[in-house]
Amino acid sequence: MAWSETFLIVLGVALLVGLWAARFARRLDRLHRKVLASRMALEAQLLRRANIASRIATAACFDPVTSVLVLAAADEAAATRSNADRALLDAVPDLADALGVRVTRDASGPSNAAVVRGLEQMGIDQQRVDAENGLSLTLREALDDGDEVALLYSDTESAELLEDLAAAWYRSQLARRFHNESVSQVQLARKNLGVRILHLAGHAVMPQPVDLDDTWPRNLKAPDGAVTT
């Protein structure tokens, strides 16, 4: 085989590898952005749940002791969420308008470097896990008595608050499920041998799933058509 033929073969292989690498790198970038957006959606829904729990606690729906416990748990969850927001916004300033409002961006959205910084700030620490789990547990205990919850549903104002809580809780479950599915897609893509050899993920950290106790309270009515866990 002449050297020119060898050169053309090598050039062709290099071109194919380059095209594949460019395509896969774009796919990884889209997946990383999807993870970042889904995490922001989850944060927004968790904050909404905490805010509604605070409203329920201050609306005298529960006895005084239970109201204090629910309010404290909701405040703790909201406070730890605010700290997470601050870290994310410091890492990705151009996502400020999207946080809690929008979860998608157009082509002029954050740069690749900004996405990498955002992924670095997405880890959920144990304090945050404990706060969200504590709120879930406190609300389940507050809604454990079926007769008392039935009385709440018989009152228009408290029933509306419970419906708002159910909607926020269900949406947070869906958001967490969607986020974890997005994380699984990234993890699977980054296991590709070519991705590892060519270092296509760059310096982006490997995202991890969010594991929270968001088990549904047994006496809280689920939204119409919702399948709760």
Protein backbone atom coordinates (compact mmCIF):
# COMPACT_ATOMS: atom_id res chain seq x y z
CA MET A 1 0.00 0.00 0.00
CA ALA A 2 1.41 3.35 -1.06
CA TRP A 3 2.09 5.99 1.54
CA SER A 4 -0.54 8.24 -0.06
CA GLU A 5 -3.21 5.57 0.40
CA THR A 6 -2.16 5.06 4.00
CA PHE A 7 -2.30 8.80 4.57
CA LEU A 8 -5.82 9.01 3.12
CA ILE A 9 -7.01 6.13 5.29
CA VAL A 10 -5.55 7.67 8.43
CA LEU A 11 -7.00 11.04 7.48
CA GLY A 12 -10.42 9.49 6.89
CA VAL A 13 -10.37 7.68 10.24
CA ALA A 14 -9.27 10.86 12.02
CA LEU A 15 -12.06 12.79 10.32
CA LEU A 16 -14.67 10.23 11.35
CA VAL A 17 -13.40 10.21 14.93
CA GLY A 18 -13.43 14.00 14.98
CA LEU A 19 -17.01 14.16 13.68
CA TRP A 20 -18.13 11.57 16.21
CA ALA A 21 -16.36 13.40 19.04
CA ALA A 22 -17.91 16.74 18.08
CA ARG A 23 -21.38 15.22 17.90
CA PHE A 24 -21.02 13.41 21.22
CA ALA A 25 -19.57 16.50 22.90
CA ARG A 26 -22.64 18.49 21.83
CA ARG A 27 -24.87 15.74 23.18
CA LEU A 28 -23.04 15.75 26.51
CA ASP A 29 -23.41 19.52 26.73
CA ARG A 30 -27.17 19.22 26.15
CA LEU A 31 -27.42 16.52 28.81
CA HIS A 32 -25.44 18.61 31.30
CA ARG A 33 -27.73 21.58 30.67
CA LYS A 34 -30.76 19.32 31.09
CA VAL A 35 -29.45 18.17 34.48
CA LEU A 36 -28.86 21.76 35.57
CA ALA A 37 -32.33 22.84 34.44
CA SER A 38 -34.06 19.87 36.09
CA ARG A 39 -32.23 20.54 39.35
CA MET A 40 -33.41 24.14 39.28
CA ALA A 41 -36.98 22.95 38.68
CA LEU A 42 -36.68 20.63 41.68
CA GLU A 43 -35.36 23.46 43.85
CA ALA A 44 -38.32 25.64 42.86
CA GLN A 45 -40.88 22.96 43.71
CA LEU A 46 -39.26 22.16 47.06
CA LEU A 47 -39.33 25.85 47.98
CA ARG A 48 -42.99 26.04 46.96
CA ARG A 49 -43.78 23.08 49.22
CA ALA A 50 -41.97 24.71 52.15
CA ASN A 51 -43.78 28.02 51.62
CA ILE A 52 -47.19 26.35 51.52
CA ALA A 53 -46.34 24.37 54.65
CA SER A 54 -45.55 27.68 56.38
CA ARG A 55 -48.91 29.10 55.28
CA ILE A 56 -50.71 26.05 56.65
CA ALA A 57 -48.86 26.33 59.96
CA THR A 58 -49.76 30.01 60.36
CA ALA A 59 -53.39 29.48 59.31
CA ALA A 60 -54.24 27.62 62.53
CA CYS A 61 -55.00 24.41 60.65
CA PHE A 62 -53.19 22.37 63.29
CA ASP A 63 -52.95 22.49 67.06
CA PRO A 64 -50.40 25.00 68.43
CA VAL A 65 -47.62 22.48 69.03
CA THR A 66 -47.96 20.89 65.59
CA SER A 67 -48.12 24.31 63.95
CA VAL A 68 -44.84 25.34 65.61
CA LEU A 69 -43.16 22.10 64.50
CA VAL A 70 -44.38 22.43 60.91
CA LEU A 71 -43.35 26.09 60.74
CA ALA A 72 -39.87 25.33 62.09
CA ALA A 73 -39.37 22.46 59.64
CA ALA A 74 -40.58 24.60 56.72
CA ASP A 75 -38.30 27.50 57.68
CA GLU A 76 -35.31 25.16 57.94
CA ALA A 77 -36.01 23.68 54.50
CA ALA A 78 -36.42 27.12 52.95
CA ALA A 79 -33.22 28.41 54.59
CA THR A 80 -31.06 25.54 53.33
CA ARG A 81 -32.57 25.94 49.88
CA SER A 82 -31.66 29.64 49.87
CA ASN A 83 -28.04 28.76 50.63
CA ALA A 84 -28.03 26.33 47.69
CA ASP A 85 -29.47 29.03 45.43
CA ARG A 86 -26.79 31.49 46.48
CA ALA A 87 -24.00 29.05 45.64
CA LEU A 88 -25.55 28.25 42.27
CA LEU A 89 -26.04 31.90 41.37
CA ASP A 90 -22.46 32.69 42.35
CA ALA A 91 -21.31 29.96 39.98
CA VAL A 92 -23.70 30.81 37.14
CA PRO A 93 -24.77 34.48 37.37
CA ASP A 94 -26.60 34.39 34.02
CA LEU A 95 -29.05 31.84 35.39
CA ALA A 96 -30.42 34.32 37.92
CA ASP A 97 -33.51 35.10 35.88
CA ALA A 98 -34.23 31.42 35.36
CA LEU A 99 -33.98 30.21 38.95
CA GLY A 100 -37.43 29.27 40.17
CA VAL A 101 -39.03 30.86 37.11
CA ARG A 102 -37.83 29.14 33.96
CA VAL A 103 -35.98 25.88 33.45
CA THR A 104 -35.07 26.21 29.77
CA ARG A 105 -32.77 28.56 27.96
CA ASP A 106 -32.39 29.57 24.34
CA ALA A 107 -29.20 29.46 22.29
CA SER A 108 -27.91 32.57 24.04
CA GLY A 109 -28.06 30.84 27.41
CA PRO A 110 -25.17 30.08 29.76
CA SER A 111 -21.77 29.23 28.34
CA ASN A 112 -20.21 25.80 28.64
CA ALA A 113 -17.95 27.11 31.40
CA ALA A 114 -20.97 28.44 33.28
CA VAL A 115 -22.70 25.07 33.02
CA VAL A 116 -19.59 23.36 34.39
CA ARG A 117 -19.52 25.78 37.34
CA GLY A 118 -23.21 25.15 37.93
CA LEU A 119 -22.71 21.39 38.00
CA GLU A 120 -19.98 21.85 40.60
CA GLN A 121 -22.47 23.62 42.89
CA MET A 122 -25.27 21.07 42.47
CA GLY A 123 -24.25 18.62 45.14
CA ILE A 124 -26.88 18.30 47.86
CA ASP A 125 -25.29 18.18 51.29
CA GLN A 126 -26.52 16.26 54.31
CA GLN A 127 -27.89 19.39 55.99
CA ARG A 128 -30.15 19.98 53.01
CA VAL A 129 -31.24 16.33 52.92
CA ASP A 130 -32.02 16.39 56.63
CA ALA A 131 -34.04 19.61 56.29
CA GLU A 132 -36.20 18.32 53.43
CA ASN A 133 -36.64 14.92 55.05
CA GLY A 134 -37.54 16.62 58.32
CA LEU A 135 -40.25 18.66 56.62
CA SER A 136 -41.66 15.55 54.94
CA LEU A 137 -41.73 13.64 58.22
CA THR A 138 -43.26 16.53 60.17
CA LEU A 139 -46.02 17.00 57.59
CA ARG A 140 -46.79 13.28 57.49
CA GLU A 141 -47.12 13.24 61.28
CA ALA A 142 -49.29 16.37 61.21
CA LEU A 143 -51.61 14.75 58.67
CA ASP A 144 -51.61 11.31 60.29
CA ASP A 145 -55.02 11.58 61.96
CA GLY A 146 -57.65 10.85 59.33
CA ASP A 147 -60.52 12.40 61.29
CA GLU A 148 -58.64 15.66 61.84
CA VAL A 149 -57.64 15.85 58.19
CA ALA A 150 -61.25 15.20 57.16
CA LEU A 151 -62.29 18.21 59.25
CA LEU A 152 -59.67 20.32 57.49
CA TYR A 153 -61.04 19.29 54.12
CA SER A 154 -64.54 20.26 55.25
CA ASP A 155 -63.37 23.87 55.65
CA THR A 156 -62.97 25.76 52.37
CA GLU A 157 -59.86 27.75 53.34
CA SER A 158 -57.93 24.87 54.87
CA ALA A 159 -59.01 22.55 52.04
CA GLU A 160 -57.50 24.96 49.51
CA LEU A 161 -54.25 25.03 51.45
CA LEU A 162 -54.12 21.23 51.54
CA GLU A 163 -54.79 21.11 47.80
CA ASP A 164 -51.95 23.57 47.23
CA LEU A 165 -49.67 21.44 49.41
CA ALA A 166 -50.66 18.30 47.50
CA ALA A 167 -49.94 19.99 44.17
CA ALA A 168 -46.52 21.23 45.32
CA TRP A 169 -45.61 17.88 46.88
CA TYR A 170 -46.59 15.97 43.75
CA ARG A 171 -44.70 18.36 41.49
CA SER A 172 -41.60 18.02 43.66
CA GLN A 173 -41.84 14.23 43.33
CA LEU A 174 -42.10 14.54 39.55
CA ALA A 175 -39.25 17.07 39.44
CA ARG A 176 -36.97 14.81 41.48
CA ARG A 177 -37.82 11.82 39.30
CA PHE A 178 -37.11 13.82 36.13
CA HIS A 179 -33.85 15.15 37.57
CA ASN A 180 -32.64 11.69 38.56
CA GLU A 181 -33.51 10.36 35.10
CA SER A 182 -31.46 13.19 33.57
CA VAL A 183 -28.56 12.33 35.87
CA SER A 184 -28.77 8.66 34.82
CA GLN A 185 -28.58 9.69 31.16
CA VAL A 186 -25.43 11.72 31.80
CA GLN A 187 -23.80 8.96 33.84
CA LEU A 188 -24.54 6.40 31.11
CA ALA A 189 -23.21 8.66 28.36
CA ARG A 190 -20.01 9.39 30.27
CA LYS A 191 -19.29 5.67 30.70
CA ASN A 192 -18.66 5.49 26.95
CA LEU A 193 -15.05 4.47 26.32
CA GLY A 194 -14.56 7.10 23.63
CA VAL A 195 -15.84 9.83 25.95
CA ARG A 196 -13.32 8.84 28.60
CA ILE A 197 -10.38 8.45 26.20
CA LEU A 198 -11.03 11.77 24.45
CA HIS A 199 -11.98 13.48 27.72
CA LEU A 200 -15.13 14.88 26.10
CA ALA A 201 -16.74 15.75 29.45
CA GLY A 202 -13.91 18.15 30.18
CA HIS A 203 -13.78 19.23 33.82
CA ALA A 204 -17.51 18.86 34.45
CA VAL A 205 -18.18 16.92 37.64
CA MET A 206 -20.25 13.75 37.43
CA PRO A 207 -23.78 14.70 38.56
CA GLN A 208 -25.39 12.58 41.25
CA PRO A 209 -29.07 11.75 41.86
CA VAL A 210 -31.01 13.48 44.61
CA ASP A 211 -32.19 11.03 47.26
CA LEU A 212 -34.90 12.53 49.48
CA ASP A 213 -37.71 11.15 51.61
CA ASP A 214 -40.78 12.54 49.86
CA THR A 215 -43.16 9.69 50.70
CA TRP A 216 -46.76 10.85 50.32
CA PRO A 217 -48.83 11.52 53.51
CA ARG A 218 -51.54 8.86 53.62
CA ASN A 219 -54.41 11.27 54.38
CA LEU A 220 -53.43 13.97 51.90
CA LYS A 221 -55.59 13.79 48.79
CA ALA A 222 -53.51 13.51 45.64
CA PRO A 223 -54.25 15.82 42.70
CA ASP A 224 -56.63 14.41 40.11
CA GLY A 225 -54.91 11.80 37.98
CA ALA A 226 -51.72 11.89 40.04
CA VAL A 227 -49.82 8.72 40.88
CA THR A 228 -47.98 9.40 44.14
CA THR A 229 -45.25 7.43 45.86
